[in-house]
Amino acid sequence: MKLTHYQQFSTPVGWPFFWYAKGMKITVELPDDVAKHADPGREALEALAIEGYRSGTLTHYQAVQLLSLSRFEFDRFLKDRNIYEHAYDVEDLDRDMETHRKLEAKGALRRP
């Protein structure tokens, strides 16, 4: 079975940067047993995004774009599959809270 996936990528062009969508076509031949899965195309795409993100080949943003998810949906997607290598953790929260306190002390944050 041949699986064809179309993905839109944004590419900056010129100065100042103007963004346009550029399509890319990827065709993958799947073994018959894999092709019989409920949604083999999505499974292959998810596996690509997971491995690309784990290995550092894809950034969080690129994996999100590949799967057409929001950043929060992608984080949930990873957690649902017990993938925690790059998950936002308590240390990340502590750093963000410290940054927030520093910005607040400088008066750099506006309160509504």
C-alpha atoms as a PDB file:
ATOM      1  CA  MET A   1       0.000   0.000   0.000  1.00  0.00           C
ATOM      2  CA  LYS A   2       1.272   3.449  -0.849  1.00  0.00           C
ATOM      3  CA  LEU A   3       0.520   6.202   1.604  1.00  0.00           C
ATOM      4  CA  THR A   4       0.753   9.782   0.480  1.00  0.00           C
ATOM      5  CA  HIS A   5       0.754  12.642   2.945  1.00  0.00           C
ATOM      6  CA  TYR A   6       0.634  16.322   2.084  1.00  0.00           C
ATOM      7  CA  GLN A   7       2.017  18.789   4.607  1.00  0.00           C
ATOM      8  CA  GLN A   8       2.099  22.560   4.473  1.00  0.00           C
ATOM      9  CA  PHE A   9       5.241  24.324   5.666  1.00  0.00           C
ATOM     10  CA  SER A  10       5.736  28.038   6.117  1.00  0.00           C
ATOM     11  CA  THR A  11       8.914  29.539   4.733  1.00  0.00           C
ATOM     12  CA  PRO A  12      10.195  33.105   5.170  1.00  0.00           C
ATOM     13  CA  VAL A  13      10.929  34.934   1.922  1.00  0.00           C
ATOM     14  CA  GLY A  14      12.493  38.344   1.342  1.00  0.00           C
ATOM     15  CA  TRP A  15      13.006  41.225   3.742  1.00  0.00           C
ATOM     16  CA  PRO A  16      11.010  41.960   5.758  1.00  0.00           C
ATOM     17  CA  PHE A  17      10.036  38.334   5.987  1.00  0.00           C
ATOM     18  CA  PHE A  18       6.887  37.345   4.155  1.00  0.00           C
ATOM     19  CA  TRP A  19       5.493  33.890   4.895  1.00  0.00           C
ATOM     20  CA  TYR A  20       4.002  31.582   2.330  1.00  0.00           C
ATOM     21  CA  ALA A  21       2.818  28.010   2.485  1.00  0.00           C
ATOM     22  CA  LYS A  22       4.795  25.464   0.532  1.00  0.00           C
ATOM     23  CA  GLY A  23       3.518  21.925   0.174  1.00  0.00           C
ATOM     24  CA  MET A  24       5.588  18.791   0.391  1.00  0.00           C
ATOM     25  CA  LYS A  25       4.471  15.366  -0.748  1.00  0.00           C
ATOM     26  CA  ILE A  26       5.807  12.255   0.982  1.00  0.00           C
ATOM     27  CA  THR A  27       4.960   8.759  -0.247  1.00  0.00           C
ATOM     28  CA  VAL A  28       5.663   5.742   1.948  1.00  0.00           C
ATOM     29  CA  GLU A  29       5.145   2.091   1.060  1.00  0.00           C
ATOM     30  CA  LEU A  30       3.752   0.193   4.039  1.00  0.00           C
ATOM     31  CA  PRO A  31       3.752  -3.582   4.499  1.00  0.00           C
ATOM     32  CA  ASP A  32       0.287  -5.120   4.115  1.00  0.00           C
ATOM     33  CA  ASP A  33      -0.024  -5.953   7.825  1.00  0.00           C
ATOM     34  CA  VAL A  34       0.634  -2.303   8.758  1.00  0.00           C
ATOM     35  CA  ALA A  35      -1.647  -1.052   5.989  1.00  0.00           C
ATOM     36  CA  LYS A  36      -4.522  -2.981   7.590  1.00  0.00           C
ATOM     37  CA  HIS A  37      -4.397  -0.833  10.751  1.00  0.00           C
ATOM     38  CA  ALA A  38      -7.338   1.501  11.326  1.00  0.00           C
ATOM     39  CA  ASP A  39      -5.391   4.641  10.295  1.00  0.00           C
ATOM     40  CA  PRO A  40      -1.936   3.625   9.077  1.00  0.00           C
ATOM     41  CA  GLY A  41      -1.144   7.055   7.682  1.00  0.00           C
ATOM     42  CA  ARG A  42      -1.751   8.799  10.982  1.00  0.00           C
ATOM     43  CA  GLU A  43       0.164   6.114  12.880  1.00  0.00           C
ATOM     44  CA  ALA A  44       3.178   6.562  10.592  1.00  0.00           C
ATOM     45  CA  LEU A  45       3.013  10.345  10.922  1.00  0.00           C
ATOM     46  CA  GLU A  46       2.766  10.136  14.720  1.00  0.00           C
ATOM     47  CA  ALA A  47       5.733   7.744  14.864  1.00  0.00           C
ATOM     48  CA  LEU A  48       7.751  10.148  12.716  1.00  0.00           C
ATOM     49  CA  ALA A  49       6.867  13.110  14.941  1.00  0.00           C
ATOM     50  CA  ILE A  50       7.639  11.209  18.163  1.00  0.00           C
ATOM     51  CA  GLU A  51      11.002   9.891  17.000  1.00  0.00           C
ATOM     52  CA  GLY A  52      11.955  13.194  15.390  1.00  0.00           C
ATOM     53  CA  TYR A  53      11.147  15.061  18.586  1.00  0.00           C
ATOM     54  CA  ARG A  54      12.896  12.514  20.827  1.00  0.00           C
ATOM     55  CA  SER A  55      16.062  12.576  18.726  1.00  0.00           C
ATOM     56  CA  GLY A  56      16.108  16.354  18.408  1.00  0.00           C
ATOM     57  CA  THR A  57      15.677  16.237  14.637  1.00  0.00           C
ATOM     58  CA  LEU A  58      12.338  18.031  15.054  1.00  0.00           C
ATOM     59  CA  THR A  59      11.693  20.883  17.444  1.00  0.00           C
ATOM     60  CA  HIS A  60       8.558  20.965  19.568  1.00  0.00           C
ATOM     61  CA  TYR A  61       7.095  23.493  17.150  1.00  0.00           C
ATOM     62  CA  GLN A  62       7.905  21.364  14.095  1.00  0.00           C
ATOM     63  CA  ALA A  63       6.354  18.240  15.644  1.00  0.00           C
ATOM     64  CA  VAL A  64       3.248  20.279  16.556  1.00  0.00           C
ATOM     65  CA  GLN A  65       2.982  21.523  12.962  1.00  0.00           C
ATOM     66  CA  LEU A  66       3.512  18.045  11.524  1.00  0.00           C
ATOM     67  CA  LEU A  67       0.617  16.641  13.571  1.00  0.00           C
ATOM     68  CA  SER A  68      -1.581  19.764  13.269  1.00  0.00           C
ATOM     69  CA  LEU A  69      -1.904  20.037  17.057  1.00  0.00           C
ATOM     70  CA  SER A  70      -1.583  22.914  19.483  1.00  0.00           C
ATOM     71  CA  ARG A  71       1.481  22.888  21.747  1.00  0.00           C
ATOM     72  CA  PHE A  72      -0.712  21.782  24.656  1.00  0.00           C
ATOM     73  CA  GLU A  73      -2.365  19.034  22.595  1.00  0.00           C
ATOM     74  CA  PHE A  74       1.092  17.784  21.596  1.00  0.00           C
ATOM     75  CA  ASP A  75       2.236  17.732  25.233  1.00  0.00           C
ATOM     76  CA  ARG A  76      -0.891  15.710  26.118  1.00  0.00           C
ATOM     77  CA  PHE A  77      -0.254  13.457  23.086  1.00  0.00           C
ATOM     78  CA  LEU A  78       3.246  12.692  24.436  1.00  0.00           C
ATOM     79  CA  LYS A  79       2.066  12.145  28.007  1.00  0.00           C
ATOM     80  CA  ASP A  80      -0.717   9.816  26.826  1.00  0.00           C
ATOM     81  CA  ARG A  81       2.044   7.681  25.303  1.00  0.00           C
ATOM     82  CA  ASN A  82       4.220   7.844  28.448  1.00  0.00           C
ATOM     83  CA  ILE A  83       6.830  10.009  26.733  1.00  0.00           C
ATOM     84  CA  TYR A  84       8.302  12.385  29.286  1.00  0.00           C
ATOM     85  CA  GLU A  85      11.841  13.096  28.032  1.00  0.00           C
ATOM     86  CA  HIS A  86      11.106  16.696  27.057  1.00  0.00           C
ATOM     87  CA  ALA A  87       7.986  17.260  29.112  1.00  0.00           C
ATOM     88  CA  TYR A  88       7.445  20.549  30.926  1.00  0.00           C
ATOM     89  CA  ASP A  89       8.293  19.702  34.527  1.00  0.00           C
ATOM     90  CA  VAL A  90       8.431  21.260  37.998  1.00  0.00           C
ATOM     91  CA  GLU A  91      11.895  22.699  37.376  1.00  0.00           C
ATOM     92  CA  ASP A  92      10.600  24.419  34.234  1.00  0.00           C
ATOM     93  CA  LEU A  93       7.715  25.855  36.245  1.00  0.00           C
ATOM     94  CA  ASP A  94      10.087  27.070  38.972  1.00  0.00           C
ATOM     95  CA  ARG A  95      12.278  28.818  36.360  1.00  0.00           C
ATOM     96  CA  ASP A  96       9.243  30.410  34.727  1.00  0.00           C
ATOM     97  CA  MET A  97       7.919  31.596  38.090  1.00  0.00           C
ATOM     98  CA  GLU A  98      11.315  33.112  38.972  1.00  0.00           C
ATOM     99  CA  THR A  99      11.443  34.881  35.608  1.00  0.00           C
ATOM    100  CA  HIS A 100       7.918  36.176  36.221  1.00  0.00           C
ATOM    101  CA  ARG A 101       8.906  37.515  39.657  1.00  0.00           C
ATOM    102  CA  LYS A 102      11.957  39.293  38.196  1.00  0.00           C
ATOM    103  CA  LEU A 103       9.923  40.872  35.403  1.00  0.00           C
ATOM    104  CA  GLU A 104       7.232  41.906  37.850  1.00  0.00           C
ATOM    105  CA  ALA A 105       9.839  43.498  40.148  1.00  0.00           C
ATOM    106  CA  LYS A 106      11.210  45.502  37.201  1.00  0.00           C
ATOM    107  CA  GLY A 107       7.696  46.662  36.357  1.00  0.00           C
ATOM    108  CA  ALA A 108       7.916  44.962  32.978  1.00  0.00           C
ATOM    109  CA  LEU A 109       4.540  43.224  33.387  1.00  0.00           C
ATOM    110  CA  ARG A 110       1.272  45.050  33.043  1.00  0.00           C
ATOM    111  CA  ARG A 111      -1.643  44.151  35.266  1.00  0.00           C
ATOM    112  CA  PRO A 112      -5.144  44.545  33.827  1.00  0.00           C
END
